[in-house]
C-alpha atoms as a PDB file:
ATOM      1  CA  UNK A   1      10.163  28.735  -3.963  1.00  0.00           C
ATOM      2  CA  UNK A   2       8.534  32.309  -3.550  1.00  0.00           C
ATOM      3  CA  UNK A   3       7.326  31.228  -0.221  1.00  0.00           C
ATOM      4  CA  UNK A   4      10.710  30.485   0.906  1.00  0.00           C
ATOM      5  CA  UNK A   5      11.855  33.824  -0.204  1.00  0.00           C
ATOM      6  CA  UNK A   6       9.166  35.592   1.427  1.00  0.00           C
ATOM      7  CA  UNK A   7       9.572  33.720   4.627  1.00  0.00           C
ATOM      8  CA  UNK A   8      13.261  34.611   4.498  1.00  0.00           C
ATOM      9  CA  UNK A   9      12.432  38.363   3.766  1.00  0.00           C
ATOM     10  CA  UNK A  10      10.063  38.450   6.888  1.00  0.00           C
ATOM     11  CA  UNK A  11      12.724  36.838   9.138  1.00  0.00           C
ATOM     12  CA  UNK A  12      15.342  39.266   7.871  1.00  0.00           C
ATOM     13  CA  UNK A  13      13.028  42.192   8.483  1.00  0.00           C
ATOM     14  CA  UNK A  14      12.283  40.895  12.152  1.00  0.00           C
ATOM     15  CA  UNK A  15      15.922  40.286  12.842  1.00  0.00           C
ATOM     16  CA  UNK A  16      16.656  43.783  11.612  1.00  0.00           C
ATOM     17  CA  UNK A  17      14.007  45.145  14.031  1.00  0.00           C
ATOM     18  CA  UNK A  18      15.682  43.455  16.913  1.00  0.00           C
ATOM     19  CA  UNK A  19      19.092  44.335  15.778  1.00  0.00           C
ATOM     20  CA  UNK A  20      17.930  48.055  15.510  1.00  0.00           C
ATOM     21  CA  UNK A  21      16.224  48.113  18.982  1.00  0.00           C
ATOM     22  CA  UNK A  22      19.761  46.672  20.375  1.00  0.00           C
ATOM     23  CA  UNK A  23      21.481  49.555  18.629  1.00  0.00           C
ATOM     24  CA  UNK A  24      22.259  53.149  19.905  1.00  0.00           C
ATOM     25  CA  UNK A  25      20.891  56.068  17.659  1.00  0.00           C
ATOM     26  CA  UNK A  26      24.296  56.895  16.273  1.00  0.00           C
ATOM     27  CA  UNK A  27      24.624  53.316  14.948  1.00  0.00           C
ATOM     28  CA  UNK A  28      21.033  53.413  13.486  1.00  0.00           C
ATOM     29  CA  UNK A  29      22.338  56.482  11.547  1.00  0.00           C
ATOM     30  CA  UNK A  30      25.131  54.481  10.160  1.00  0.00           C
ATOM     31  CA  UNK A  31      23.690  51.032   9.961  1.00  0.00           C
ATOM     32  CA  UNK A  32      20.231  51.623   8.386  1.00  0.00           C
ATOM     33  CA  UNK A  33      21.422  52.811   5.068  1.00  0.00           C
ATOM     34  CA  UNK A  34      24.017  49.949   5.043  1.00  0.00           C
ATOM     35  CA  UNK A  35      21.012  47.299   5.684  1.00  0.00           C
ATOM     36  CA  UNK A  36      18.856  49.100   3.157  1.00  0.00           C
ATOM     37  CA  UNK A  37      21.755  48.925   0.537  1.00  0.00           C
ATOM     38  CA  UNK A  38      22.579  45.206   1.231  1.00  0.00           C
ATOM     39  CA  UNK A  39      18.927  44.187   1.205  1.00  0.00           C
ATOM     40  CA  UNK A  40      18.448  45.878  -2.218  1.00  0.00           C
ATOM     41  CA  UNK A  41      21.441  44.177  -3.489  1.00  0.00           C
ATOM     42  CA  UNK A  42      20.048  40.668  -2.230  1.00  0.00           C
ATOM     43  CA  UNK A  43      16.688  41.348  -3.609  1.00  0.00           C
ATOM     44  CA  UNK A  44      17.998  42.605  -6.859  1.00  0.00           C
ATOM     45  CA  UNK A  45      20.402  39.483  -7.140  1.00  0.00           C
ATOM     46  CA  UNK A  46      17.404  37.114  -6.318  1.00  0.00           C
ATOM     47  CA  UNK A  47      15.308  38.969  -9.041  1.00  0.00           C
ATOM     48  CA  UNK A  48      18.036  38.237 -11.616  1.00  0.00           C
ATOM     49  CA  UNK A  49      18.311  34.522 -10.654  1.00  0.00           C
ATOM     50  CA  UNK A  50      14.660  34.178 -10.700  1.00  0.00           C
ATOM     51  CA  UNK A  51      14.558  35.942 -14.137  1.00  0.00           C
ATOM     52  CA  UNK A  52      17.269  33.583 -15.599  1.00  0.00           C
ATOM     53  CA  UNK A  53      15.293  30.359 -14.374  1.00  0.00           C
ATOM     54  CA  UNK A  54      12.139  31.892 -16.052  1.00  0.00           C
ATOM     55  CA  UNK A  55      14.020  32.730 -19.226  1.00  0.00           C
ATOM     56  CA  UNK A  56      15.700  29.362 -19.311  1.00  0.00           C
ATOM     57  CA  UNK A  57      12.327  27.458 -19.162  1.00  0.00           C
ATOM     58  CA  UNK A  58      10.627  29.980 -21.569  1.00  0.00           C
ATOM     59  CA  UNK A  59      13.533  29.201 -24.191  1.00  0.00           C
ATOM     60  CA  UNK A  60      13.677  25.483 -23.474  1.00  0.00           C
ATOM     61  CA  UNK A  61      10.214  24.907 -24.772  1.00  0.00           C
END
């Protein structure tokens, strides 16, 4: 599960690098903060989901 998340993050970072290389500097100024915000939201959401699974396992014992 964690391996899947990590490989997804690595692939995401790589695709962002390719995307940024293809952008003009102007788009980088606008796009990079947006990408960071989106990534932050995804990571936060994933952490909450994982927390939920861990909590459920802990309480079910």
